[in-house]
């Protein structure tokens, strides 16, 4: 998969609403809801890269393996790889 970078909050929300993750570790039917749950209600940066056959975008697999979503000083990350365990991480810098 080609790397993808978005900076428009509307485009980011539309993109995340189409991402679902299954397999080992972190799973979701809609990544946008998990981003909201992490406290990012208006994300202004997204980077997606890698390839994971257990990830789907708009019902099509494979999708990206790693997601880096940011809103100001808040960052929500999803890390995974083909055949590996996916994990999430949230951080907020002072």
Protein backbone atom coordinates (compact mmCIF):
# COMPACT_ATOMS: atom_id res chain seq x y z
CA UNK A 1 0.00 0.00 0.00
CA UNK A 2 1.19 3.51 -0.73
CA UNK A 3 1.60 5.82 2.25
CA UNK A 4 -1.19 8.33 2.73
CA UNK A 5 -1.13 11.67 4.52
CA UNK A 6 -4.17 13.88 5.13
CA UNK A 7 -4.45 17.30 6.80
CA UNK A 8 -8.13 18.14 6.31
CA UNK A 9 -10.30 17.14 9.31
CA UNK A 10 -13.34 16.41 7.10
CA UNK A 11 -11.31 14.12 4.82
CA UNK A 12 -9.71 12.42 7.84
CA UNK A 13 -13.09 11.67 9.42
CA UNK A 14 -14.44 10.29 6.13
CA UNK A 15 -11.33 8.12 5.72
CA UNK A 16 -11.39 6.75 9.28
CA UNK A 17 -15.09 5.92 9.05
CA UNK A 18 -14.24 3.39 6.31
CA UNK A 19 -11.40 1.59 8.17
CA UNK A 20 -12.04 -1.68 10.01
CA UNK A 21 -9.39 -3.84 11.67
CA UNK A 22 -9.54 -7.52 12.58
CA UNK A 23 -7.02 -10.18 13.53
CA UNK A 24 -4.74 -10.34 16.58
CA UNK A 25 -4.67 -7.50 19.07
CA UNK A 26 -6.54 -4.23 18.58
CA UNK A 27 -9.75 -4.65 16.52
CA UNK A 28 -12.48 -2.27 15.44
CA UNK A 29 -15.44 -2.10 13.08
CA UNK A 30 -14.95 1.65 12.60
CA UNK A 31 -11.64 3.32 13.44
CA UNK A 32 -13.29 6.76 13.62
CA UNK A 33 -15.23 5.73 16.74
CA UNK A 34 -12.01 4.66 18.49
CA UNK A 35 -10.38 7.97 17.57
CA UNK A 36 -13.35 9.79 19.13
CA UNK A 37 -13.12 7.55 22.22
CA UNK A 38 -9.45 8.52 22.55
CA UNK A 39 -10.53 12.18 22.81
CA UNK A 40 -9.69 13.35 19.30
CA UNK A 41 -12.96 14.92 18.19
CA UNK A 42 -11.49 16.97 15.31
CA UNK A 43 -8.27 15.24 14.11
CA UNK A 44 -6.09 17.51 11.95
CA UNK A 45 -3.38 15.07 10.79
CA UNK A 46 -3.41 11.46 9.59
CA UNK A 47 -0.64 9.29 8.23
CA UNK A 48 -1.34 5.72 7.13
CA UNK A 49 1.35 3.34 5.87
CA UNK A 50 2.26 -0.30 5.43
CA UNK A 51 -0.05 -3.13 4.41
CA UNK A 52 -2.14 -5.50 6.53
CA UNK A 53 -4.42 -8.17 5.04
CA UNK A 54 -6.52 -8.14 8.25
CA UNK A 55 -7.33 -4.46 7.73
CA UNK A 56 -10.10 -3.26 5.40
CA UNK A 57 -10.81 0.09 3.78
CA UNK A 58 -14.35 0.52 2.48
CA UNK A 59 -14.80 -3.27 2.58
CA UNK A 60 -11.63 -3.99 0.59
CA UNK A 61 -8.58 -5.77 1.98
CA UNK A 62 -5.69 -5.22 2.40
CA UNK A 63 -5.57 -1.77 3.94
CA UNK A 64 -2.88 0.13 5.78
CA UNK A 65 -1.10 -1.41 8.78
CA UNK A 66 -0.10 1.71 10.72
CA UNK A 67 -2.18 4.79 11.53
CA UNK A 68 -0.91 7.97 13.16
CA UNK A 69 -3.73 10.39 14.01
CA UNK A 70 -3.12 13.74 15.67
CA UNK A 71 -5.14 16.64 17.02
CA UNK A 72 -2.95 19.37 18.46
CA UNK A 73 -0.84 17.74 21.17
CA UNK A 74 -2.92 14.54 21.31
CA UNK A 75 -1.74 11.53 19.30
CA UNK A 76 -3.50 8.19 18.73
CA UNK A 77 -1.49 5.48 16.99
CA UNK A 78 -2.31 2.02 15.71
CA UNK A 79 0.61 -0.28 14.93
CA UNK A 80 0.34 -3.63 13.21
CA UNK A 81 1.84 -5.79 10.53
CA UNK A 82 0.89 -8.79 8.49
CA UNK A 83 0.71 -11.80 10.81
CA UNK A 84 1.59 -9.74 13.90
CA UNK A 85 -0.35 -8.46 16.87
CA UNK A 86 -1.85 -5.00 16.39
CA UNK A 87 -1.70 -2.50 19.26
CA UNK A 88 -2.87 1.01 19.98
CA UNK A 89 -1.18 3.85 21.85
CA UNK A 90 -2.42 7.27 22.99
CA UNK A 91 -0.24 10.11 24.21
CA UNK A 92 -0.65 13.77 25.03
CA UNK A 93 2.30 16.12 25.26
CA UNK A 94 2.24 19.00 27.73
